[in-house]
Amino acid sequence: MPKQSDGKDNEGAYAEASLESAKKVLQLEADGLKALSDSLNADFNKALNILEATDGRIVVTGMGKSGHVARKIAATLASTGKPALFVHPAEASHGDLGMISEDGDAVIALSNSGETPEMADLVAYTRRFKIPLIAITSRAGSALDEASDVALILPAVEEACPMGLAPTTSTTMMLALGDALAVALLERRGFSADDFQVLHPGGKLGKRLLKISDIMHSGDELPLLTTDATMSEALLVMTGKGLGCIGIVDESGILQGIITDGDLRRHMSDDLLVLAVDAVMTTGAKTITANSLASEALGIMNEKSITNLFVVDEDSRPVGVVHIHDCLRAGVA
């Protein structure tokens, strides 16, 4: 009699088959992205020109899976400084067309077939009011292609779904094409990390882009004395400011050195308070500029095992001081 197969053997076979299936899906979608990249032509720049010239909002629309992709494209555009929103094509037929303005808006419409019936009213509205329309579709010659000002035609590739029914490769290409438009647009507009931080104050991304100027102590909070001061004066200032350090400047206000709590411990003696500050201060201390990232300051302090950094201008004059706790409180890590 044939030996009955072990359940564990079946599990192993299922696991192996699943891995092969997953690899095939990813390979098909990767092939789709390669084909999409190779297919880009002057129409991409035409679409980009429309988006760049848009003074109002970029309205992105799509039905079903294309609608989910459209939402993400709108979110990416908005997060990179180009006002954008998603409008559901069916809701557009029941009043949401009012969200699309003829005064400066543009529309990106996603439809794999290019014949999505729910999109007909929205497309007609853009034509009636001469609102620029960019199509993203897989079918050249479709109704959406013919109605648009410019169409980005997705290459004919195999869907990753084994039945060829569920949108998979096609939606991946749509999403990637939306990213390509958004990134090319932000590069044209000179969108910077500073601009990004303004739009992303929350979350880890925003914290990574915080500047020293956002968290440093300045003005009356800045502990400073001149080189002719005594340690008794320095101790009073350090205690009053509560930052565990003091900057020592010359008559021109240029930083000459710093004194920290550690310096006090190292120079502890009966005559400490009558010493001149320049006898105790550490020279050549590490400094940073106000425009530097707070994450850079934290990295320096961790590397040097220090807790403070003086912030200086281009002439080495102190304009602030940042404590490691300031970075941690701001969520910089």
C-alpha atoms as a PDB file:
ATOM      1  CA  MET A   1       0.000   0.000   0.000  1.00  0.00           C
ATOM      2  CA  PRO A   2       1.245   3.525  -0.749  1.00  0.00           C
ATOM      3  CA  LYS A   3       2.481   5.411   2.256  1.00  0.00           C
ATOM      4  CA  GLN A   4       0.053   8.084   3.459  1.00  0.00           C
ATOM      5  CA  SER A   5       1.518  11.577   3.086  1.00  0.00           C
ATOM      6  CA  ASP A   6       2.511  13.384   6.236  1.00  0.00           C
ATOM      7  CA  GLY A   7       0.593  16.560   7.133  1.00  0.00           C
ATOM      8  CA  LYS A   8       3.907  18.320   7.649  1.00  0.00           C
ATOM      9  CA  ASP A   9       4.882  17.433   4.091  1.00  0.00           C
ATOM     10  CA  ASN A  10       1.693  19.099   2.880  1.00  0.00           C
ATOM     11  CA  GLU A  11       2.420  22.181   4.969  1.00  0.00           C
ATOM     12  CA  GLY A  12       5.873  22.404   3.475  1.00  0.00           C
ATOM     13  CA  ALA A  13       4.505  22.064  -0.040  1.00  0.00           C
ATOM     14  CA  TYR A  14       1.887  24.747   0.598  1.00  0.00           C
ATOM     15  CA  ALA A  15       4.510  27.085   2.044  1.00  0.00           C
ATOM     16  CA  GLU A  16       6.812  26.574  -0.926  1.00  0.00           C
ATOM     17  CA  ALA A  17       3.964  27.117  -3.380  1.00  0.00           C
ATOM     18  CA  SER A  18       2.973  30.327  -1.589  1.00  0.00           C
ATOM     19  CA  LEU A  19       6.515  31.649  -1.768  1.00  0.00           C
ATOM     20  CA  GLU A  20       6.707  30.894  -5.471  1.00  0.00           C
ATOM     21  CA  SER A  21       3.358  32.602  -6.013  1.00  0.00           C
ATOM     22  CA  ALA A  22       4.496  35.688  -4.096  1.00  0.00           C
ATOM     23  CA  LYS A  23       7.743  35.861  -6.065  1.00  0.00           C
ATOM     24  CA  LYS A  24       5.810  35.600  -9.328  1.00  0.00           C
ATOM     25  CA  VAL A  25       3.492  38.448  -8.297  1.00  0.00           C
ATOM     26  CA  LEU A  26       6.406  40.691  -7.395  1.00  0.00           C
ATOM     27  CA  GLN A  27       8.257  39.816 -10.596  1.00  0.00           C
ATOM     28  CA  LEU A  28       5.203  40.552 -12.742  1.00  0.00           C
ATOM     29  CA  GLU A  29       4.688  43.889 -11.022  1.00  0.00           C
ATOM     30  CA  ALA A  30       8.389  44.717 -11.306  1.00  0.00           C
ATOM     31  CA  ASP A  31       8.199  43.898 -15.024  1.00  0.00           C
ATOM     32  CA  GLY A  32       5.205  46.218 -15.262  1.00  0.00           C
ATOM     33  CA  LEU A  33       7.126  49.077 -13.659  1.00  0.00           C
ATOM     34  CA  LYS A  34      10.059  48.500 -16.018  1.00  0.00           C
ATOM     35  CA  ALA A  35       7.710  48.588 -19.002  1.00  0.00           C
ATOM     36  CA  LEU A  36       6.105  51.759 -17.635  1.00  0.00           C
ATOM     37  CA  SER A  37       9.481  53.437 -17.224  1.00  0.00           C
ATOM     38  CA  ASP A  38      10.449  52.512 -20.782  1.00  0.00           C
ATOM     39  CA  SER A  39       7.136  53.828 -22.132  1.00  0.00           C
ATOM     40  CA  LEU A  40       7.373  57.359 -20.727  1.00  0.00           C
ATOM     41  CA  ASN A  41       7.473  60.010 -23.429  1.00  0.00           C
ATOM     42  CA  ALA A  42       6.749  63.684 -24.065  1.00  0.00           C
ATOM     43  CA  ASP A  43       3.209  63.252 -22.758  1.00  0.00           C
ATOM     44  CA  PHE A  44       4.623  62.922 -19.243  1.00  0.00           C
ATOM     45  CA  ASN A  45       6.138  66.394 -19.527  1.00  0.00           C
ATOM     46  CA  LYS A  46       2.876  67.736 -20.965  1.00  0.00           C
ATOM     47  CA  ALA A  47       1.055  66.427 -17.897  1.00  0.00           C
ATOM     48  CA  LEU A  48       3.743  67.875 -15.666  1.00  0.00           C
ATOM     49  CA  ASN A  49       3.410  71.271 -17.349  1.00  0.00           C
ATOM     50  CA  ILE A  50      -0.320  71.274 -16.630  1.00  0.00           C
ATOM     51  CA  LEU A  51       0.228  70.427 -12.962  1.00  0.00           C
ATOM     52  CA  GLU A  52       2.997  72.983 -12.552  1.00  0.00           C
ATOM     53  CA  ALA A  53       0.802  75.725 -14.044  1.00  0.00           C
ATOM     54  CA  THR A  54      -2.122  74.870 -11.775  1.00  0.00           C
ATOM     55  CA  ASP A  55      -2.809  77.790  -9.426  1.00  0.00           C
ATOM     56  CA  GLY A  56      -5.695  76.052  -7.686  1.00  0.00           C
ATOM     57  CA  ARG A  57      -5.994  72.448  -6.588  1.00  0.00           C
ATOM     58  CA  ILE A  58      -5.212  69.188  -8.300  1.00  0.00           C
ATOM     59  CA  VAL A  59      -8.321  67.008  -8.155  1.00  0.00           C
ATOM     60  CA  VAL A  60      -7.608  63.280  -8.443  1.00  0.00           C
ATOM     61  CA  THR A  61     -10.437  60.869  -9.176  1.00  0.00           C
ATOM     62  CA  GLY A  62     -10.970  57.172  -9.810  1.00  0.00           C
ATOM     63  CA  MET A  63     -13.449  54.368  -9.140  1.00  0.00           C
ATOM     64  CA  GLY A  64     -12.853  51.139  -7.236  1.00  0.00           C
ATOM     65  CA  LYS A  65      -9.200  50.159  -6.887  1.00  0.00           C
ATOM     66  CA  SER A  66      -8.243  53.114  -9.095  1.00  0.00           C
ATOM     67  CA  GLY A  67     -10.033  55.315  -6.569  1.00  0.00           C
ATOM     68  CA  HIS A  68      -7.873  54.019  -3.737  1.00  0.00           C
ATOM     69  CA  VAL A  69      -4.777  54.781  -5.804  1.00  0.00           C
ATOM     70  CA  ALA A  70      -6.170  58.236  -6.617  1.00  0.00           C
ATOM     71  CA  ARG A  71      -6.552  58.998  -2.904  1.00  0.00           C
ATOM     72  CA  LYS A  72      -2.903  58.164  -2.324  1.00  0.00           C
ATOM     73  CA  ILE A  73      -1.735  60.277  -5.266  1.00  0.00           C
ATOM     74  CA  ALA A  74      -3.722  63.243  -3.946  1.00  0.00           C
ATOM     75  CA  ALA A  75      -2.205  62.757  -0.488  1.00  0.00           C
ATOM     76  CA  THR A  76       1.329  62.615  -1.915  1.00  0.00           C
ATOM     77  CA  LEU A  77       0.818  65.775  -3.961  1.00  0.00           C
ATOM     78  CA  ALA A  78      -0.586  67.632  -0.948  1.00  0.00           C
ATOM     79  CA  SER A  79       2.234  66.479   1.328  1.00  0.00           C
ATOM     80  CA  THR A  80       4.788  67.807  -1.126  1.00  0.00           C
ATOM     81  CA  GLY A  81       3.291  71.274  -1.279  1.00  0.00           C
ATOM     82  CA  LYS A  82       0.803  71.067  -4.160  1.00  0.00           C
ATOM     83  CA  PRO A  83      -2.803  71.452  -2.884  1.00  0.00           C
ATOM     84  CA  ALA A  84      -4.712  68.343  -3.953  1.00  0.00           C
ATOM     85  CA  LEU A  85      -7.819  66.397  -3.020  1.00  0.00           C
ATOM     86  CA  PHE A  86      -9.696  63.246  -3.999  1.00  0.00           C
ATOM     87  CA  VAL A  87     -13.195  63.479  -5.458  1.00  0.00           C
ATOM     88  CA  HIS A  88     -15.261  60.296  -5.788  1.00  0.00           C
ATOM     89  CA  PRO A  89     -16.674  60.190  -9.339  1.00  0.00           C
ATOM     90  CA  ALA A  90     -20.084  58.907  -8.257  1.00  0.00           C
ATOM     91  CA  GLU A  91     -20.399  61.558  -5.546  1.00  0.00           C
ATOM     92  CA  ALA A  92     -19.332  64.147  -8.107  1.00  0.00           C
ATOM     93  CA  SER A  93     -22.563  63.453  -9.997  1.00  0.00           C
ATOM     94  CA  HIS A  94     -24.533  64.313  -6.861  1.00  0.00           C
ATOM     95  CA  GLY A  95     -23.057  67.680  -5.932  1.00  0.00           C
ATOM     96  CA  ASP A  96     -19.333  67.156  -5.442  1.00  0.00           C
ATOM     97  CA  LEU A  97     -18.617  68.656  -8.854  1.00  0.00           C
ATOM     98  CA  GLY A  98     -18.802  71.882  -6.869  1.00  0.00           C
ATOM     99  CA  MET A  99     -15.448  70.912  -5.345  1.00  0.00           C
ATOM    100  CA  ILE A 100     -13.804  71.346  -8.750  1.00  0.00           C
ATOM    101  CA  SER A 101     -13.219  74.958  -9.735  1.00  0.00           C
ATOM    102  CA  GLU A 102     -12.800  76.308 -13.240  1.00  0.00           C
ATOM    103  CA  ASP A 103     -10.507  78.958 -11.762  1.00  0.00           C
ATOM    104  CA  GLY A 104      -7.129  77.256 -11.687  1.00  0.00           C
ATOM    105  CA  ASP A 105      -7.908  73.620 -10.850  1.00  0.00           C
ATOM    106  CA  ALA A 106      -6.755  70.588 -12.842  1.00  0.00           C
ATOM    107  CA  VAL A 107      -8.025  67.001 -12.800  1.00  0.00           C
ATOM    108  CA  ILE A 108      -6.182  63.673 -12.921  1.00  0.00           C
ATOM    109  CA  ALA A 109      -8.572  60.829 -13.786  1.00  0.00           C
ATOM    110  CA  LEU A 110      -7.581  57.181 -13.290  1.00  0.00           C
ATOM    111  CA  SER A 111      -9.391  54.374 -15.109  1.00  0.00           C
ATOM    112  CA  ASN A 112      -7.790  51.155 -16.288  1.00  0.00           C
ATOM    113  CA  SER A 113     -10.389  50.637 -19.016  1.00  0.00           C
ATOM    114  CA  GLY A 114     -10.885  54.316 -19.768  1.00  0.00           C
ATOM    115  CA  GLU A 115     -14.619  53.610 -19.950  1.00  0.00           C
ATOM    116  CA  THR A 116     -15.685  53.916 -16.293  1.00  0.00           C
ATOM    117  CA  PRO A 117     -19.362  54.980 -16.550  1.00  0.00           C
ATOM    118  CA  GLU A 118     -19.409  56.677 -13.136  1.00  0.00           C
ATOM    119  CA  MET A 119     -16.750  59.083 -14.404  1.00  0.00           C
ATOM    120  CA  ALA A 120     -18.746  60.372 -17.377  1.00  0.00           C
ATOM    121  CA  ASP A 121     -20.349  63.354 -15.628  1.00  0.00           C
ATOM    122  CA  LEU A 122     -17.078  64.491 -14.094  1.00  0.00           C
ATOM    123  CA  VAL A 123     -15.246  64.255 -17.420  1.00  0.00           C
ATOM    124  CA  ALA A 124     -18.037  66.155 -19.171  1.00  0.00           C
ATOM    125  CA  TYR A 125     -17.845  68.849 -16.486  1.00  0.00           C
ATOM    126  CA  THR A 126     -14.129  69.377 -17.115  1.00  0.00           C
ATOM    127  CA  ARG A 127     -14.769  69.702 -20.840  1.00  0.00           C
ATOM    128  CA  ARG A 128     -17.662  72.128 -20.365  1.00  0.00           C
ATOM    129  CA  PHE A 129     -15.645  74.471 -18.147  1.00  0.00           C
ATOM    130  CA  LYS A 130     -12.290  73.915 -19.866  1.00  0.00           C
ATOM    131  CA  ILE A 131     -10.650  72.449 -16.769  1.00  0.00           C
ATOM    132  CA  PRO A 132      -7.372  70.692 -17.714  1.00  0.00           C
ATOM    133  CA  LEU A 133      -7.805  66.911 -17.651  1.00  0.00           C
ATOM    134  CA  ILE A 134      -4.974  64.377 -17.385  1.00  0.00           C
ATOM    135  CA  ALA A 135      -5.929  60.746 -17.989  1.00  0.00           C
ATOM    136  CA  ILE A 136      -4.127  57.691 -16.658  1.00  0.00           C
ATOM    137  CA  THR A 137      -5.480  54.618 -18.429  1.00  0.00           C
ATOM    138  CA  SER A 138      -4.418  51.369 -20.066  1.00  0.00           C
ATOM    139  CA  ARG A 139      -6.522  51.875 -23.186  1.00  0.00           C
ATOM    140  CA  ALA A 140      -5.480  54.255 -25.904  1.00  0.00           C
ATOM    141  CA  GLY A 141      -8.512  55.405 -27.857  1.00  0.00           C
ATOM    142  CA  SER A 142     -10.854  54.948 -24.893  1.00  0.00           C
ATOM    143  CA  ALA A 143     -13.450  57.575 -24.003  1.00  0.00           C
ATOM    144  CA  LEU A 144     -11.213  58.934 -21.235  1.00  0.00           C
ATOM    145  CA  ASP A 145      -8.194  59.090 -23.525  1.00  0.00           C
ATOM    146  CA  GLU A 146     -10.147  60.920 -26.237  1.00  0.00           C
ATOM    147  CA  ALA A 147     -11.621  63.443 -23.786  1.00  0.00           C
ATOM    148  CA  SER A 148      -8.379  64.308 -21.989  1.00  0.00           C
ATOM    149  CA  ASP A 149      -5.907  67.095 -22.679  1.00  0.00           C
ATOM    150  CA  VAL A 150      -3.127  64.566 -22.271  1.00  0.00           C
ATOM    151  CA  ALA A 151      -3.241  60.840 -21.553  1.00  0.00           C
ATOM    152  CA  LEU A 152      -0.576  58.760 -19.872  1.00  0.00           C
ATOM    153  CA  ILE A 153      -1.137  55.317 -21.344  1.00  0.00           C
ATOM    154  CA  LEU A 154      -0.064  52.373 -19.200  1.00  0.00           C
ATOM    155  CA  PRO A 155       1.700  49.608 -21.146  1.00  0.00           C
ATOM    156  CA  ALA A 156      -0.135  46.348 -21.792  1.00  0.00           C
ATOM    157  CA  VAL A 157       1.277  43.931 -19.231  1.00  0.00           C
ATOM    158  CA  GLU A 158       0.045  40.853 -17.411  1.00  0.00           C
ATOM    159  CA  GLU A 159      -1.945  41.336 -14.217  1.00  0.00           C
ATOM    160  CA  ALA A 160      -0.429  39.465 -11.277  1.00  0.00           C
ATOM    161  CA  CYS A 161      -3.818  37.960 -10.441  1.00  0.00           C
ATOM    162  CA  PRO A 162      -3.727  34.375 -11.837  1.00  0.00           C
ATOM    163  CA  MET A 163      -7.251  34.837 -13.207  1.00  0.00           C
ATOM    164  CA  GLY A 164      -6.324  38.167 -14.744  1.00  0.00           C
ATOM    165  CA  LEU A 165      -9.275  39.797 -13.012  1.00  0.00           C
ATOM    166  CA  ALA A 166      -8.148  41.624  -9.862  1.00  0.00           C
ATOM    167  CA  PRO A 167      -6.307  44.876 -10.659  1.00  0.00           C
ATOM    168  CA  THR A 168      -2.756  44.266  -9.474  1.00  0.00           C
ATOM    169  CA  THR A 169       0.023  45.151 -11.893  1.00  0.00           C
ATOM    170  CA  SER A 170      -2.115  47.916 -13.395  1.00  0.00           C
ATOM    171  CA  THR A 171      -2.790  49.596 -10.038  1.00  0.00           C
ATOM    172  CA  THR A 172       0.881  49.305  -9.083  1.00  0.00           C
ATOM    173  CA  MET A 173       1.791  51.128 -12.294  1.00  0.00           C
ATOM    174  CA  MET A 174      -0.835  53.807 -11.602  1.00  0.00           C
ATOM    175  CA  LEU A 175       0.517  54.364  -8.104  1.00  0.00           C
ATOM    176  CA  ALA A 176       4.117  54.527  -9.296  1.00  0.00           C
ATOM    177  CA  LEU A 177       3.181  56.933 -12.084  1.00  0.00           C
ATOM    178  CA  GLY A 178       1.500  59.180  -9.519  1.00  0.00           C
ATOM    179  CA  ASP A 179       4.681  59.128  -7.437  1.00  0.00           C
ATOM    180  CA  ALA A 180       6.734  59.966 -10.529  1.00  0.00           C
ATOM    181  CA  LEU A 181       4.527  62.978 -11.264  1.00  0.00           C
ATOM    182  CA  ALA A 182       4.674  64.183  -7.657  1.00  0.00           C
ATOM    183  CA  VAL A 183       8.455  63.849  -7.371  1.00  0.00           C
ATOM    184  CA  ALA A 184       9.155  65.440 -10.754  1.00  0.00           C
ATOM    185  CA  LEU A 185       6.805  68.272  -9.809  1.00  0.00           C
ATOM    186  CA  LEU A 186       8.458  68.957  -6.449  1.00  0.00           C
ATOM    187  CA  GLU A 187      11.872  68.980  -8.137  1.00  0.00           C
ATOM    188  CA  ARG A 188      10.669  71.509 -10.692  1.00  0.00           C
ATOM    189  CA  ARG A 189       9.261  73.702  -7.950  1.00  0.00           C
ATOM    190  CA  GLY A 190      12.409  73.521  -5.821  1.00  0.00           C
ATOM    191  CA  PHE A 191      10.514  71.979  -2.901  1.00  0.00           C
ATOM    192  CA  SER A 192      13.044  71.628  -0.064  1.00  0.00           C
ATOM    193  CA  ALA A 193      13.451  69.715   3.179  1.00  0.00           C
ATOM    194  CA  ASP A 194      12.488  72.940   4.975  1.00  0.00           C
ATOM    195  CA  ASP A 195       9.227  73.069   3.023  1.00  0.00           C
ATOM    196  CA  PHE A 196       8.625  69.412   3.833  1.00  0.00           C
ATOM    197  CA  GLN A 197       9.104  70.036   7.557  1.00  0.00           C
ATOM    198  CA  VAL A 198       6.524  72.840   7.509  1.00  0.00           C
ATOM    199  CA  LEU A 199       3.940  70.415   6.122  1.00  0.00           C
ATOM    200  CA  HIS A 200       4.991  67.499   8.365  1.00  0.00           C
ATOM    201  CA  PRO A 201       5.362  68.937  11.895  1.00  0.00           C
ATOM    202  CA  GLY A 202       4.104  65.726  13.462  1.00  0.00           C
ATOM    203  CA  GLY A 203       5.549  62.245  13.382  1.00  0.00           C
ATOM    204  CA  LYS A 204       9.098  61.043  13.047  1.00  0.00           C
ATOM    205  CA  LEU A 205       9.697  62.710   9.672  1.00  0.00           C
ATOM    206  CA  GLY A 206       8.864  66.122  11.084  1.00  0.00           C
ATOM    207  CA  LYS A 207      11.088  65.619  14.112  1.00  0.00           C
ATOM    208  CA  ARG A 208      14.011  64.590  11.915  1.00  0.00           C
ATOM    209  CA  LEU A 209      13.735  67.910  10.080  1.00  0.00           C
ATOM    210  CA  LEU A 210      13.547  70.177  13.136  1.00  0.00           C
ATOM    211  CA  LYS A 211      16.211  72.858  13.105  1.00  0.00           C
ATOM    212  CA  ILE A 212      18.405  73.997  15.969  1.00  0.00           C
ATOM    213  CA  SER A 213      16.684  77.392  15.801  1.00  0.00           C
ATOM    214  CA  ASP A 214      13.388  75.660  16.637  1.00  0.00           C
ATOM    215  CA  ILE A 215      14.581  74.320  19.989  1.00  0.00           C
ATOM    216  CA  MET A 216      17.608  76.342  21.139  1.00  0.00           C
ATOM    217  CA  HIS A 217      17.747  78.704  24.129  1.00  0.00           C
ATOM    218  CA  SER A 218      18.499  82.283  23.090  1.00  0.00           C
ATOM    219  CA  GLY A 219      18.208  85.884  24.248  1.00  0.00           C
ATOM    220  CA  ASP A 220      17.962  86.222  28.024  1.00  0.00           C
ATOM    221  CA  GLU A 221      18.235  82.440  28.394  1.00  0.00           C
ATOM    222  CA  LEU A 222      21.740  82.430  26.922  1.00  0.00           C
ATOM    223  CA  PRO A 223      24.456  81.982  29.630  1.00  0.00           C
ATOM    224  CA  LEU A 224      27.396  84.220  28.701  1.00  0.00           C
ATOM    225  CA  LEU A 225      30.277  86.021  30.411  1.00  0.00           C
ATOM    226  CA  THR A 226      33.394  87.778  29.179  1.00  0.00           C
ATOM    227  CA  THR A 227      36.937  86.489  29.634  1.00  0.00           C
ATOM    228  CA  ASP A 228      37.683  88.960  32.454  1.00  0.00           C
ATOM    229  CA  ALA A 229      34.979  87.486  34.715  1.00  0.00           C
ATOM    230  CA  THR A 230      35.681  85.325  37.765  1.00  0.00           C
ATOM    231  CA  MET A 231      34.435  81.855  38.531  1.00  0.00           C
ATOM    232  CA  SER A 232      32.178  83.203  41.288  1.00  0.00           C
ATOM    233  CA  GLU A 233      30.339  85.202  38.612  1.00  0.00           C
ATOM    234  CA  ALA A 234      30.289  82.188  36.325  1.00  0.00           C
ATOM    235  CA  LEU A 235      28.769  80.006  39.025  1.00  0.00           C
ATOM    236  CA  LEU A 236      25.974  82.531  39.611  1.00  0.00           C
ATOM    237  CA  VAL A 237      25.150  82.697  35.896  1.00  0.00           C
ATOM    238  CA  MET A 238      25.271  78.927  35.471  1.00  0.00           C
ATOM    239  CA  THR A 239      22.967  78.439  38.443  1.00  0.00           C
ATOM    240  CA  GLY A 240      20.577  81.126  37.248  1.00  0.00           C
ATOM    241  CA  LYS A 241      20.266  79.872  33.674  1.00  0.00           C
ATOM    242  CA  GLY A 242      20.013  76.224  34.678  1.00  0.00           C
ATOM    243  CA  LEU A 243      21.644  74.759  31.581  1.00  0.00           C
ATOM    244  CA  GLY A 244      24.775  73.371  33.199  1.00  0.00           C
ATOM    245  CA  CYS A 245      27.120  75.457  31.083  1.00  0.00           C
ATOM    246  CA  ILE A 246      28.273  78.983  30.271  1.00  0.00           C
ATOM    247  CA  GLY A 247      29.900  80.490  27.199  1.00  0.00           C
ATOM    248  CA  ILE A 248      32.933  82.739  27.547  1.00  0.00           C
ATOM    249  CA  VAL A 249      33.287  85.496  24.942  1.00  0.00           C
ATOM    250  CA  ASP A 250      35.894  88.164  24.250  1.00  0.00           C
ATOM    251  CA  GLU A 251      35.257  91.901  24.007  1.00  0.00           C
ATOM    252  CA  SER A 252      33.971  91.395  20.436  1.00  0.00           C
ATOM    253  CA  GLY A 253      31.457  88.792  21.542  1.00  0.00           C
ATOM    254  CA  ILE A 254      33.304  85.921  19.867  1.00  0.00           C
ATOM    255  CA  LEU A 255      33.154  82.586  21.673  1.00  0.00           C
ATOM    256  CA  GLN A 256      36.484  81.712  23.300  1.00  0.00           C
ATOM    257  CA  GLY A 257      35.497  78.713  25.355  1.00  0.00           C
ATOM    258  CA  ILE A 258      32.849  77.115  27.536  1.00  0.00           C
ATOM    259  CA  ILE A 259      32.575  76.000  31.132  1.00  0.00           C
ATOM    260  CA  THR A 260      30.393  73.051  32.089  1.00  0.00           C
ATOM    261  CA  ASP A 261      29.440  71.267  35.287  1.00  0.00           C
ATOM    262  CA  GLY A 262      32.202  68.797  34.470  1.00  0.00           C
ATOM    263  CA  ASP A 263      34.788  71.572  34.382  1.00  0.00           C
ATOM    264  CA  LEU A 264      33.687  72.669  37.858  1.00  0.00           C
ATOM    265  CA  ARG A 265      34.229  69.181  39.217  1.00  0.00           C
ATOM    266  CA  ARG A 266      37.624  68.857  37.551  1.00  0.00           C
ATOM    267  CA  HIS A 267      38.838  72.198  38.954  1.00  0.00           C
ATOM    268  CA  MET A 268      37.307  71.886  42.403  1.00  0.00           C
ATOM    269  CA  SER A 269      39.615  73.566  44.946  1.00  0.00           C
ATOM    270  CA  ASP A 270      39.503  76.124  47.748  1.00  0.00           C
ATOM    271  CA  ASP A 271      40.379  78.955  45.381  1.00  0.00           C
ATOM    272  CA  LEU A 272      38.026  77.955  42.537  1.00  0.00           C
ATOM    273  CA  LEU A 273      35.700  80.941  42.961  1.00  0.00           C
ATOM    274  CA  VAL A 274      38.497  83.506  42.643  1.00  0.00           C
ATOM    275  CA  LEU A 275      39.971  82.001  39.505  1.00  0.00           C
ATOM    276  CA  ALA A 276      39.504  83.773  36.185  1.00  0.00           C
ATOM    277  CA  VAL A 277      37.078  82.001  33.880  1.00  0.00           C
ATOM    278  CA  ASP A 278      39.726  81.610  31.181  1.00  0.00           C
ATOM    279  CA  ALA A 279      41.740  79.471  33.594  1.00  0.00           C
ATOM    280  CA  VAL A 280      38.924  76.936  33.789  1.00  0.00           C
ATOM    281  CA  MET A 281      37.154  77.111  30.435  1.00  0.00           C
ATOM    282  CA  THR A 282      37.525  74.502  27.712  1.00  0.00           C
ATOM    283  CA  THR A 283      38.699  75.989  24.429  1.00  0.00           C
ATOM    284  CA  GLY A 284      37.962  74.668  20.955  1.00  0.00           C
ATOM    285  CA  ALA A 285      34.559  73.416  22.026  1.00  0.00           C
ATOM    286  CA  LYS A 286      32.291  71.909  19.380  1.00  0.00           C
ATOM    287  CA  THR A 287      29.642  74.341  18.098  1.00  0.00           C
ATOM    288  CA  ILE A 288      26.773  74.262  15.617  1.00  0.00           C
ATOM    289  CA  THR A 289      24.764  76.739  13.530  1.00  0.00           C
ATOM    290  CA  ALA A 290      21.116  77.683  13.973  1.00  0.00           C
ATOM    291  CA  ASN A 291      20.191  76.326  10.529  1.00  0.00           C
ATOM    292  CA  SER A 292      21.572  72.868  11.291  1.00  0.00           C
ATOM    293  CA  LEU A 293      19.202  70.004  11.996  1.00  0.00           C
ATOM    294  CA  ALA A 294      18.455  69.147  15.614  1.00  0.00           C
ATOM    295  CA  SER A 295      19.198  65.517  14.759  1.00  0.00           C
ATOM    296  CA  GLU A 296      22.736  66.573  13.816  1.00  0.00           C
ATOM    297  CA  ALA A 297      23.177  68.244  17.210  1.00  0.00           C
ATOM    298  CA  LEU A 298      21.973  65.121  18.976  1.00  0.00           C
ATOM    299  CA  GLY A 299      24.429  63.024  16.979  1.00  0.00           C
ATOM    300  CA  ILE A 300      27.326  65.307  17.914  1.00  0.00           C
ATOM    301  CA  MET A 301      26.418  65.284  21.606  1.00  0.00           C
ATOM    302  CA  ASN A 302      26.128  61.501  21.644  1.00  0.00           C
ATOM    303  CA  GLU A 303      29.423  61.092  19.788  1.00  0.00           C
ATOM    304  CA  LYS A 304      31.331  63.526  22.019  1.00  0.00           C
ATOM    305  CA  SER A 305      29.571  62.456  25.249  1.00  0.00           C
ATOM    306  CA  ILE A 306      28.528  66.046  25.977  1.00  0.00           C
ATOM    307  CA  THR A 307      25.184  67.517  26.969  1.00  0.00           C
ATOM    308  CA  ASN A 308      25.350  71.033  25.497  1.00  0.00           C
ATOM    309  CA  LEU A 309      26.230  72.692  22.210  1.00  0.00           C
ATOM    310  CA  PHE A 310      26.635  76.407  21.711  1.00  0.00           C
ATOM    311  CA  VAL A 311      25.001  77.781  18.592  1.00  0.00           C
ATOM    312  CA  VAL A 312      27.093  80.384  16.780  1.00  0.00           C
ATOM    313  CA  ASP A 313      26.710  82.682  13.778  1.00  0.00           C
ATOM    314  CA  GLU A 314      29.143  82.961  10.868  1.00  0.00           C
ATOM    315  CA  ASP A 315      31.451  85.110  13.026  1.00  0.00           C
ATOM    316  CA  SER A 316      31.531  82.575  15.891  1.00  0.00           C
ATOM    317  CA  ARG A 317      29.338  84.762  18.088  1.00  0.00           C
ATOM    318  CA  PRO A 318      26.964  82.756  20.298  1.00  0.00           C
ATOM    319  CA  VAL A 319      23.292  83.105  19.362  1.00  0.00           C
ATOM    320  CA  GLY A 320      21.959  80.196  21.370  1.00  0.00           C
ATOM    321  CA  VAL A 321      22.641  76.989  23.207  1.00  0.00           C
ATOM    322  CA  VAL A 322      20.971  73.605  22.903  1.00  0.00           C
ATOM    323  CA  HIS A 323      20.857  70.934  25.611  1.00  0.00           C
ATOM    324  CA  ILE A 324      20.508  67.243  24.856  1.00  0.00           C
ATOM    325  CA  HIS A 325      17.246  67.275  26.806  1.00  0.00           C
ATOM    326  CA  ASP A 326      15.876  69.863  24.361  1.00  0.00           C
ATOM    327  CA  CYS A 327      16.393  67.371  21.542  1.00  0.00           C
ATOM    328  CA  LEU A 328      14.806  64.524  23.467  1.00  0.00           C
ATOM    329  CA  ARG A 329      11.812  66.619  24.554  1.00  0.00           C
ATOM    330  CA  ALA A 330      11.241  67.594  20.919  1.00  0.00           C
ATOM    331  CA  GLY A 331      11.168  63.923  19.947  1.00  0.00           C
ATOM    332  CA  VAL A 332      14.427  64.027  18.013  1.00  0.00           C
ATOM    333  CA  ALA A 333      16.066  60.621  17.953  1.00  0.00           C
END
